[in-house]
Amino acid sequence: MTEQQNFGFNSTLLGKRTVIGAGIAFSLIAGFIGFMFLVVGGSFEAGLWIALPLLTVTVAGAFGGAAHYLLDLLLKPRDWMKVLFNTGFMIVYLIGLWLSLIIAFALLGFWD
């Protein structure tokens, strides 16, 4: 019989990274919407224009957390490459969150 290779995949750690990614994204978008609420003066109605960005950005954050775990598992960066990997991935993660926010606003007609 052949032995199965274990590549170190840990579903618990994948779940943790996914939840962390979604939590960071949710807190960023909730802060952004809260800031917009303060700028407008609390005179806007909550509706789909709040729910859709909250949903899309949070889902994008969850996918970003899962992608970070999987890339970390595959590449196994060490020492200074780990710092470079995490810095580069943070930039890509934030760009992904921004693009998901733009997609949500485009679906609502707020972005031309």
N, C-alpha and C. Protein backbone atom coordinates (compact mmCIF):
# COMPACT_ATOMS: atom_id res chain seq x y z
N MET A 1 0.83 -1.17 0.00
CA MET A 1 0.00 0.00 0.00
C MET A 1 0.88 1.24 0.00
N THR A 2 0.37 2.28 -0.55
CA THR A 2 1.11 3.54 -0.58
C THR A 2 0.69 4.40 0.61
N GLU A 3 1.64 5.18 1.08
CA GLU A 3 1.35 6.09 2.18
C GLU A 3 0.80 7.39 1.63
N GLN A 4 -0.13 7.96 2.36
CA GLN A 4 -0.64 9.27 1.98
C GLN A 4 0.27 10.32 2.58
N GLN A 5 0.57 11.33 1.75
CA GLN A 5 1.41 12.42 2.25
C GLN A 5 0.54 13.44 2.97
N ASN A 6 1.02 13.88 4.09
CA ASN A 6 0.33 14.90 4.86
C ASN A 6 1.06 16.22 4.63
N PHE A 7 0.40 17.15 3.98
CA PHE A 7 1.02 18.43 3.67
C PHE A 7 0.85 19.44 4.80
N GLY A 8 0.35 19.02 5.92
CA GLY A 8 0.19 19.92 7.06
C GLY A 8 -1.12 20.70 7.03
N PHE A 9 -2.08 20.24 6.24
CA PHE A 9 -3.37 20.93 6.17
C PHE A 9 -4.11 20.77 7.48
N ASN A 10 -4.55 21.89 8.04
CA ASN A 10 -5.24 21.89 9.31
C ASN A 10 -6.55 22.67 9.13
N SER A 11 -7.66 21.98 9.14
CA SER A 11 -8.94 22.65 8.88
C SER A 11 -9.32 23.62 10.01
N THR A 12 -8.88 23.34 11.22
CA THR A 12 -9.16 24.26 12.33
C THR A 12 -8.44 25.59 12.11
N LEU A 13 -7.18 25.52 11.71
CA LEU A 13 -6.42 26.74 11.45
C LEU A 13 -6.97 27.48 10.24
N LEU A 14 -7.43 26.74 9.23
CA LEU A 14 -8.07 27.38 8.08
C LEU A 14 -9.31 28.14 8.51
N GLY A 15 -10.12 27.54 9.37
CA GLY A 15 -11.31 28.21 9.88
C GLY A 15 -10.97 29.45 10.68
N LYS A 16 -9.92 29.36 11.50
CA LYS A 16 -9.51 30.52 12.29
C LYS A 16 -9.07 31.67 11.39
N ARG A 17 -8.25 31.35 10.38
CA ARG A 17 -7.78 32.41 9.47
C ARG A 17 -8.93 33.01 8.67
N THR A 18 -9.90 32.18 8.31
CA THR A 18 -11.06 32.69 7.58
C THR A 18 -11.88 33.63 8.45
N VAL A 19 -12.10 33.25 9.70
CA VAL A 19 -12.87 34.10 10.61
C VAL A 19 -12.10 35.38 10.92
N ILE A 20 -10.80 35.29 11.09
CA ILE A 20 -10.00 36.49 11.34
C ILE A 20 -10.06 37.44 10.15
N GLY A 21 -9.92 36.89 8.94
CA GLY A 21 -10.01 37.73 7.74
C GLY A 21 -11.37 38.39 7.62
N ALA A 22 -12.43 37.65 7.89
CA ALA A 22 -13.78 38.22 7.82
C ALA A 22 -13.99 39.26 8.92
N GLY A 23 -13.45 39.01 10.11
CA GLY A 23 -13.59 39.97 11.22
C GLY A 23 -12.88 41.27 10.96
N ILE A 24 -11.68 41.19 10.40
CA ILE A 24 -10.95 42.42 10.06
C ILE A 24 -11.70 43.20 9.00
N ALA A 25 -12.19 42.50 7.98
CA ALA A 25 -12.93 43.17 6.91
C ALA A 25 -14.22 43.80 7.44
N PHE A 26 -14.93 43.07 8.29
CA PHE A 26 -16.17 43.60 8.84
C PHE A 26 -15.92 44.83 9.69
N SER A 27 -14.88 44.80 10.51
CA SER A 27 -14.60 45.97 11.35
C SER A 27 -14.18 47.18 10.51
N LEU A 28 -13.43 46.95 9.43
CA LEU A 28 -13.05 48.07 8.57
C LEU A 28 -14.26 48.68 7.87
N ILE A 29 -15.13 47.85 7.32
CA ILE A 29 -16.28 48.38 6.60
C ILE A 29 -17.30 48.98 7.57
N ALA A 30 -17.45 48.41 8.75
CA ALA A 30 -18.36 48.99 9.75
C ALA A 30 -17.84 50.35 10.21
N GLY A 31 -16.52 50.47 10.36
CA GLY A 31 -15.94 51.77 10.70
C GLY A 31 -16.14 52.79 9.60
N PHE A 32 -16.01 52.34 8.35
CA PHE A 32 -16.22 53.24 7.21
C PHE A 32 -17.67 53.71 7.15
N ILE A 33 -18.60 52.79 7.33
CA ILE A 33 -20.02 53.17 7.30
C ILE A 33 -20.36 54.05 8.51
N GLY A 34 -19.78 53.75 9.67
CA GLY A 34 -19.98 54.61 10.84
C GLY A 34 -19.44 56.01 10.63
N PHE A 35 -18.28 56.10 9.96
CA PHE A 35 -17.72 57.41 9.63
C PHE A 35 -18.64 58.16 8.69
N MET A 36 -19.18 57.46 7.69
CA MET A 36 -20.11 58.10 6.76
C MET A 36 -21.37 58.56 7.49
N PHE A 37 -21.82 57.78 8.46
CA PHE A 37 -22.97 58.16 9.26
C PHE A 37 -22.70 59.45 10.03
N LEU A 38 -21.50 59.60 10.57
CA LEU A 38 -21.15 60.81 11.31
C LEU A 38 -21.00 62.00 10.38
N VAL A 39 -20.46 61.79 9.20
CA VAL A 39 -20.27 62.89 8.25
C VAL A 39 -21.62 63.41 7.76
N VAL A 40 -22.53 62.49 7.44
CA VAL A 40 -23.85 62.88 6.94
C VAL A 40 -24.69 63.47 8.07
N GLY A 41 -24.42 63.12 9.27
CA GLY A 41 -25.14 63.65 10.41
C GLY A 41 -26.26 62.75 10.88
N GLY A 42 -26.23 61.50 10.49
CA GLY A 42 -27.25 60.57 10.95
C GLY A 42 -28.59 60.73 10.28
N SER A 43 -28.62 61.35 9.10
CA SER A 43 -29.90 61.60 8.45
C SER A 43 -30.14 60.71 7.25
N PHE A 44 -29.46 59.58 7.15
CA PHE A 44 -29.72 58.68 6.04
C PHE A 44 -30.45 57.45 6.54
N GLU A 45 -31.15 56.80 5.64
CA GLU A 45 -31.90 55.61 6.03
C GLU A 45 -31.07 54.36 5.76
N ALA A 46 -31.07 53.48 6.72
CA ALA A 46 -30.36 52.22 6.56
C ALA A 46 -31.16 51.33 5.63
N GLY A 47 -30.47 50.67 4.76
CA GLY A 47 -31.15 49.80 3.81
C GLY A 47 -30.14 48.93 3.09
N LEU A 48 -30.44 48.65 1.84
CA LEU A 48 -29.59 47.79 1.05
C LEU A 48 -28.21 48.39 0.82
N TRP A 49 -28.12 49.71 0.78
CA TRP A 49 -26.82 50.33 0.52
C TRP A 49 -25.86 50.12 1.68
N ILE A 50 -26.36 49.74 2.84
CA ILE A 50 -25.48 49.40 3.96
C ILE A 50 -25.24 47.89 4.01
N ALA A 51 -26.28 47.12 3.77
CA ALA A 51 -26.18 45.67 3.90
C ALA A 51 -25.29 45.04 2.83
N LEU A 52 -25.41 45.49 1.59
CA LEU A 52 -24.63 44.87 0.52
C LEU A 52 -23.13 45.10 0.67
N PRO A 53 -22.66 46.31 0.94
CA PRO A 53 -21.21 46.45 1.19
C PRO A 53 -20.72 45.67 2.41
N LEU A 54 -21.53 45.62 3.48
CA LEU A 54 -21.15 44.82 4.64
C LEU A 54 -20.98 43.36 4.26
N LEU A 55 -21.89 42.86 3.44
CA LEU A 55 -21.84 41.46 3.05
C LEU A 55 -20.67 41.18 2.10
N THR A 56 -20.53 41.99 1.05
CA THR A 56 -19.49 41.70 0.06
C THR A 56 -18.09 41.87 0.63
N VAL A 57 -17.87 42.89 1.42
CA VAL A 57 -16.53 43.11 1.97
C VAL A 57 -16.19 42.03 3.00
N THR A 58 -17.16 41.61 3.79
CA THR A 58 -16.92 40.56 4.77
C THR A 58 -16.60 39.23 4.09
N VAL A 59 -17.33 38.91 3.03
CA VAL A 59 -17.06 37.67 2.28
C VAL A 59 -15.69 37.74 1.63
N ALA A 60 -15.34 38.90 1.07
CA ALA A 60 -14.01 39.05 0.48
C ALA A 60 -12.92 38.90 1.53
N GLY A 61 -13.16 39.40 2.73
CA GLY A 61 -12.20 39.23 3.82
C GLY A 61 -12.04 37.77 4.23
N ALA A 62 -13.15 37.04 4.23
CA ALA A 62 -13.08 35.61 4.56
C ALA A 62 -12.28 34.85 3.51
N PHE A 63 -12.52 35.15 2.24
CA PHE A 63 -11.73 34.52 1.17
C PHE A 63 -10.26 34.91 1.27
N GLY A 64 -9.99 36.15 1.66
CA GLY A 64 -8.61 36.58 1.83
C GLY A 64 -7.91 35.84 2.95
N GLY A 65 -8.60 35.62 4.06
CA GLY A 65 -8.02 34.85 5.16
C GLY A 65 -7.74 33.42 4.77
N ALA A 66 -8.66 32.81 4.03
CA ALA A 66 -8.46 31.43 3.58
C ALA A 66 -7.31 31.36 2.57
N ALA A 67 -7.23 32.33 1.67
CA ALA A 67 -6.15 32.35 0.69
C ALA A 67 -4.79 32.54 1.37
N HIS A 68 -4.76 33.35 2.42
CA HIS A 68 -3.50 33.55 3.16
C HIS A 68 -3.04 32.24 3.78
N TYR A 69 -3.96 31.50 4.37
CA TYR A 69 -3.60 30.22 4.98
C TYR A 69 -3.07 29.25 3.92
N LEU A 70 -3.80 29.15 2.81
CA LEU A 70 -3.40 28.19 1.78
C LEU A 70 -2.06 28.55 1.13
N LEU A 71 -1.84 29.84 0.87
CA LEU A 71 -0.55 30.25 0.31
C LEU A 71 0.58 30.07 1.31
N ASP A 72 0.30 30.34 2.56
CA ASP A 72 1.31 30.12 3.60
C ASP A 72 1.66 28.65 3.71
N LEU A 73 0.66 27.79 3.55
CA LEU A 73 0.88 26.35 3.61
C LEU A 73 1.70 25.86 2.41
N LEU A 74 1.40 26.40 1.24
CA LEU A 74 2.09 25.94 0.03
C LEU A 74 3.51 26.50 -0.09
N LEU A 75 3.68 27.79 0.22
CA LEU A 75 4.98 28.44 0.01
C LEU A 75 5.93 28.23 1.17
N LYS A 76 5.40 28.11 2.38
CA LYS A 76 6.20 27.95 3.60
C LYS A 76 7.36 28.96 3.68
N PRO A 77 7.03 30.26 3.66
CA PRO A 77 8.10 31.26 3.74
C PRO A 77 8.77 31.26 5.11
N ARG A 78 10.06 31.54 5.13
CA ARG A 78 10.83 31.57 6.38
C ARG A 78 11.58 32.90 6.50
N ASP A 79 11.89 33.29 7.71
CA ASP A 79 12.72 34.44 8.05
C ASP A 79 12.21 35.72 7.39
N TRP A 80 13.07 36.39 6.63
CA TRP A 80 12.70 37.67 6.03
C TRP A 80 11.69 37.48 4.90
N MET A 81 11.65 36.30 4.31
CA MET A 81 10.65 36.03 3.28
C MET A 81 9.24 36.01 3.88
N LYS A 82 9.12 35.63 5.14
CA LYS A 82 7.83 35.63 5.83
C LYS A 82 7.32 37.06 5.99
N VAL A 83 8.23 37.97 6.35
CA VAL A 83 7.85 39.38 6.48
C VAL A 83 7.43 39.95 5.12
N LEU A 84 8.20 39.64 4.10
CA LEU A 84 7.88 40.10 2.75
C LEU A 84 6.55 39.50 2.27
N PHE A 85 6.34 38.23 2.52
CA PHE A 85 5.09 37.56 2.14
C PHE A 85 3.90 38.20 2.83
N ASN A 86 3.98 38.41 4.15
CA ASN A 86 2.86 38.99 4.89
C ASN A 86 2.59 40.44 4.48
N THR A 87 3.64 41.21 4.23
CA THR A 87 3.46 42.59 3.79
C THR A 87 2.80 42.64 2.41
N GLY A 88 3.28 41.83 1.50
CA GLY A 88 2.69 41.78 0.17
C GLY A 88 1.26 41.30 0.20
N PHE A 89 0.98 40.30 1.03
CA PHE A 89 -0.37 39.79 1.10
C PHE A 89 -1.30 40.80 1.75
N MET A 90 -0.82 41.59 2.70
CA MET A 90 -1.65 42.62 3.31
C MET A 90 -2.07 43.65 2.28
N ILE A 91 -1.17 44.01 1.40
CA ILE A 91 -1.49 44.97 0.34
C ILE A 91 -2.53 44.37 -0.60
N VAL A 92 -2.34 43.13 -1.01
CA VAL A 92 -3.30 42.45 -1.89
C VAL A 92 -4.65 42.29 -1.19
N TYR A 93 -4.65 42.00 0.10
CA TYR A 93 -5.88 41.85 0.89
C TYR A 93 -6.66 43.16 0.91
N LEU A 94 -5.98 44.27 1.17
CA LEU A 94 -6.67 45.56 1.22
C LEU A 94 -7.20 45.97 -0.15
N ILE A 95 -6.45 45.67 -1.21
CA ILE A 95 -6.93 45.95 -2.57
C ILE A 95 -8.17 45.11 -2.86
N GLY A 96 -8.18 43.86 -2.42
CA GLY A 96 -9.35 43.00 -2.61
C GLY A 96 -10.57 43.53 -1.87
N LEU A 97 -10.37 44.03 -0.66
CA LEU A 97 -11.48 44.61 0.09
C LEU A 97 -12.02 45.86 -0.61
N TRP A 98 -11.11 46.68 -1.09
CA TRP A 98 -11.51 47.90 -1.80
C TRP A 98 -12.29 47.56 -3.06
N LEU A 99 -11.83 46.57 -3.82
CA LEU A 99 -12.53 46.18 -5.04
C LEU A 99 -13.91 45.59 -4.72
N SER A 100 -14.03 44.85 -3.64
CA SER A 100 -15.35 44.32 -3.28
C SER A 100 -16.30 45.44 -2.86
N LEU A 101 -15.77 46.49 -2.23
CA LEU A 101 -16.59 47.64 -1.90
C LEU A 101 -17.05 48.36 -3.16
N ILE A 102 -16.16 48.50 -4.13
CA ILE A 102 -16.53 49.14 -5.40
C ILE A 102 -17.58 48.31 -6.13
N ILE A 103 -17.44 46.99 -6.12
CA ILE A 103 -18.43 46.13 -6.76
C ILE A 103 -19.80 46.30 -6.10
N ALA A 104 -19.82 46.37 -4.77
CA ALA A 104 -21.08 46.56 -4.06
C ALA A 104 -21.71 47.90 -4.43
N PHE A 105 -20.91 48.96 -4.45
CA PHE A 105 -21.45 50.27 -4.82
C PHE A 105 -21.87 50.33 -6.28
N ALA A 106 -21.17 49.63 -7.16
CA ALA A 106 -21.56 49.58 -8.57
C ALA A 106 -22.89 48.86 -8.74
N LEU A 107 -23.11 47.79 -7.98
CA LEU A 107 -24.39 47.08 -8.06
C LEU A 107 -25.54 47.94 -7.58
N LEU A 108 -25.25 48.83 -6.64
CA LEU A 108 -26.29 49.71 -6.11
C LEU A 108 -26.47 50.97 -6.93
N GLY A 109 -25.57 51.22 -7.86
CA GLY A 109 -25.68 52.41 -8.71
C GLY A 109 -24.99 53.64 -8.14
N PHE A 110 -24.17 53.46 -7.11
CA PHE A 110 -23.45 54.59 -6.52
C PHE A 110 -22.08 54.80 -7.13
N TRP A 111 -21.65 53.90 -7.99
CA TRP A 111 -20.32 53.98 -8.60
C TRP A 111 -20.47 53.89 -10.09
N ASP A 112 -20.01 54.91 -10.78
CA ASP A 112 -20.16 54.92 -12.25
C ASP A 112 -18.93 54.42 -12.93
